[in-house]
Amino acid sequence: MIVTASALCHGTKWQDKIDMDWLWRKTRNDHPEILNPVRAKDHEDRRVDWLSYGNINDWTDRAKKFLVSLGMLKDEPGTICA
């Protein structure tokens, strides 16, 4: 954006009279709703999004299918023995 503003001022009466860094900071301050970066998601946000009931069930269902395909589990009711 600073380069764009510099190009727009080139050849005008404002060339070399406006500090482009100041102009960019002022523009971001005056219009934060459209110019300021959105807060990035952190690890906690991602974990909360992923740990939904549906996602956990999907994961356990896929894990069960994988273990059955390896022969480590049987896809039938049974008892757990120690």
C-alpha atoms as a PDB file:
ATOM      1  CA  MET A   1       0.000   0.000   0.000  1.00  0.00           C
ATOM      2  CA  ILE A   2       2.881   2.354   0.704  1.00  0.00           C
ATOM      3  CA  VAL A   3       4.262   1.745  -2.796  1.00  0.00           C
ATOM      4  CA  THR A   4       0.815   2.350  -4.291  1.00  0.00           C
ATOM      5  CA  ALA A   5       0.448   5.624  -2.385  1.00  0.00           C
ATOM      6  CA  SER A   6       3.932   6.672  -3.510  1.00  0.00           C
ATOM      7  CA  ALA A   7       3.021   5.939  -7.123  1.00  0.00           C
ATOM      8  CA  LEU A   8      -0.194   7.940  -6.810  1.00  0.00           C
ATOM      9  CA  CYS A   9       1.724  10.951  -5.456  1.00  0.00           C
ATOM     10  CA  HIS A  10       4.505  10.724  -8.062  1.00  0.00           C
ATOM     11  CA  GLY A  11       4.484  13.746 -10.326  1.00  0.00           C
ATOM     12  CA  THR A  12       1.973  15.672  -8.212  1.00  0.00           C
ATOM     13  CA  LYS A  13       2.424  18.615  -5.853  1.00  0.00           C
ATOM     14  CA  TRP A  14       2.402  16.083  -2.952  1.00  0.00           C
ATOM     15  CA  GLN A  15       5.505  14.211  -4.142  1.00  0.00           C
ATOM     16  CA  ASP A  16       8.211  14.315  -1.427  1.00  0.00           C
ATOM     17  CA  LYS A  17       5.880  16.255   0.902  1.00  0.00           C
ATOM     18  CA  ILE A  18       4.019  13.346   2.530  1.00  0.00           C
ATOM     19  CA  ASP A  19       5.686  10.690   4.644  1.00  0.00           C
ATOM     20  CA  MET A  20       4.241   7.464   3.242  1.00  0.00           C
ATOM     21  CA  ASP A  21       4.786   5.540   6.506  1.00  0.00           C
ATOM     22  CA  TRP A  22       2.781   8.190   8.371  1.00  0.00           C
ATOM     23  CA  LEU A  23       0.078   8.109   5.694  1.00  0.00           C
ATOM     24  CA  TRP A  24      -0.234   4.322   5.967  1.00  0.00           C
ATOM     25  CA  ARG A  25      -0.420   4.413   9.787  1.00  0.00           C
ATOM     26  CA  LYS A  26      -3.045   7.183   9.665  1.00  0.00           C
ATOM     27  CA  THR A  27      -5.119   5.313   7.082  1.00  0.00           C
ATOM     28  CA  ARG A  28      -5.029   2.097   9.154  1.00  0.00           C
ATOM     29  CA  ASN A  29      -5.974   4.085  12.252  1.00  0.00           C
ATOM     30  CA  ASP A  30      -8.879   5.871  10.506  1.00  0.00           C
ATOM     31  CA  HIS A  31     -10.263   2.702   8.856  1.00  0.00           C
ATOM     32  CA  PRO A  32      -9.383  -0.270  11.101  1.00  0.00           C
ATOM     33  CA  GLU A  33     -12.457  -2.271  10.121  1.00  0.00           C
ATOM     34  CA  ILE A  34     -11.154  -2.803   6.585  1.00  0.00           C
ATOM     35  CA  LEU A  35      -7.384  -2.456   6.850  1.00  0.00           C
ATOM     36  CA  ASN A  36      -6.120  -3.895  10.121  1.00  0.00           C
ATOM     37  CA  PRO A  37      -5.163  -7.563   9.976  1.00  0.00           C
ATOM     38  CA  VAL A  38      -7.638  -9.990  11.480  1.00  0.00           C
ATOM     39  CA  ARG A  39      -6.431 -11.772  14.610  1.00  0.00           C
ATOM     40  CA  ALA A  40      -4.869 -15.039  13.538  1.00  0.00           C
ATOM     41  CA  LYS A  41      -6.130 -18.232  15.067  1.00  0.00           C
ATOM     42  CA  ASP A  42      -3.946 -19.561  17.822  1.00  0.00           C
ATOM     43  CA  HIS A  43      -3.501 -23.195  18.828  1.00  0.00           C
ATOM     44  CA  GLU A  44      -6.264 -23.049  21.438  1.00  0.00           C
ATOM     45  CA  ASP A  45      -8.791 -21.786  18.852  1.00  0.00           C
ATOM     46  CA  ARG A  46      -7.857 -24.603  16.479  1.00  0.00           C
ATOM     47  CA  ARG A  47      -8.162 -27.204  19.228  1.00  0.00           C
ATOM     48  CA  VAL A  48     -11.600 -25.950  20.247  1.00  0.00           C
ATOM     49  CA  ASP A  49     -12.741 -26.017  16.608  1.00  0.00           C
ATOM     50  CA  TRP A  50     -11.416 -29.557  16.115  1.00  0.00           C
ATOM     51  CA  LEU A  51     -12.664 -31.077  19.370  1.00  0.00           C
ATOM     52  CA  SER A  52     -16.310 -31.213  18.438  1.00  0.00           C
ATOM     53  CA  TYR A  53     -18.495 -34.232  19.116  1.00  0.00           C
ATOM     54  CA  GLY A  54     -18.725 -35.035  15.407  1.00  0.00           C
ATOM     55  CA  ASN A  55     -14.976 -34.784  14.801  1.00  0.00           C
ATOM     56  CA  ILE A  56     -14.149 -37.036  17.750  1.00  0.00           C
ATOM     57  CA  ASN A  57     -16.688 -39.635  16.596  1.00  0.00           C
ATOM     58  CA  ASP A  58     -15.337 -39.503  13.029  1.00  0.00           C
ATOM     59  CA  TRP A  59     -11.794 -39.976  14.320  1.00  0.00           C
ATOM     60  CA  THR A  60     -12.684 -42.964  16.509  1.00  0.00           C
ATOM     61  CA  ASP A  61     -14.719 -44.569  13.698  1.00  0.00           C
ATOM     62  CA  ARG A  62     -11.774 -44.266  11.276  1.00  0.00           C
ATOM     63  CA  ALA A  63      -9.367 -45.570  13.916  1.00  0.00           C
ATOM     64  CA  LYS A  64     -11.645 -48.577  14.499  1.00  0.00           C
ATOM     65  CA  LYS A  65     -11.831 -49.344  10.748  1.00  0.00           C
ATOM     66  CA  PHE A  66      -8.043 -49.101  10.493  1.00  0.00           C
ATOM     67  CA  LEU A  67      -7.454 -51.428  13.459  1.00  0.00           C
ATOM     68  CA  VAL A  68     -10.032 -53.922  12.133  1.00  0.00           C
ATOM     69  CA  SER A  69      -8.279 -53.892   8.737  1.00  0.00           C
ATOM     70  CA  LEU A  70      -4.979 -54.736  10.489  1.00  0.00           C
ATOM     71  CA  GLY A  71      -6.612 -57.607  12.363  1.00  0.00           C
ATOM     72  CA  MET A  72      -6.016 -56.026  15.766  1.00  0.00           C
ATOM     73  CA  LEU A  73      -9.759 -55.708  16.477  1.00  0.00           C
ATOM     74  CA  LYS A  74     -12.890 -57.612  15.595  1.00  0.00           C
ATOM     75  CA  ASP A  75     -15.927 -55.701  14.418  1.00  0.00           C
ATOM     76  CA  GLU A  76     -18.290 -57.468  16.787  1.00  0.00           C
ATOM     77  CA  PRO A  77     -19.422 -57.080  20.397  1.00  0.00           C
ATOM     78  CA  GLY A  78     -17.202 -58.716  22.985  1.00  0.00           C
ATOM     79  CA  THR A  79     -15.717 -58.464  26.438  1.00  0.00           C
ATOM     80  CA  ILE A  80     -12.498 -56.847  27.549  1.00  0.00           C
ATOM     81  CA  CYS A  81     -10.086 -59.214  29.276  1.00  0.00           C
ATOM     82  CA  ALA A  82      -7.071 -58.176  31.272  1.00  0.00           C
END
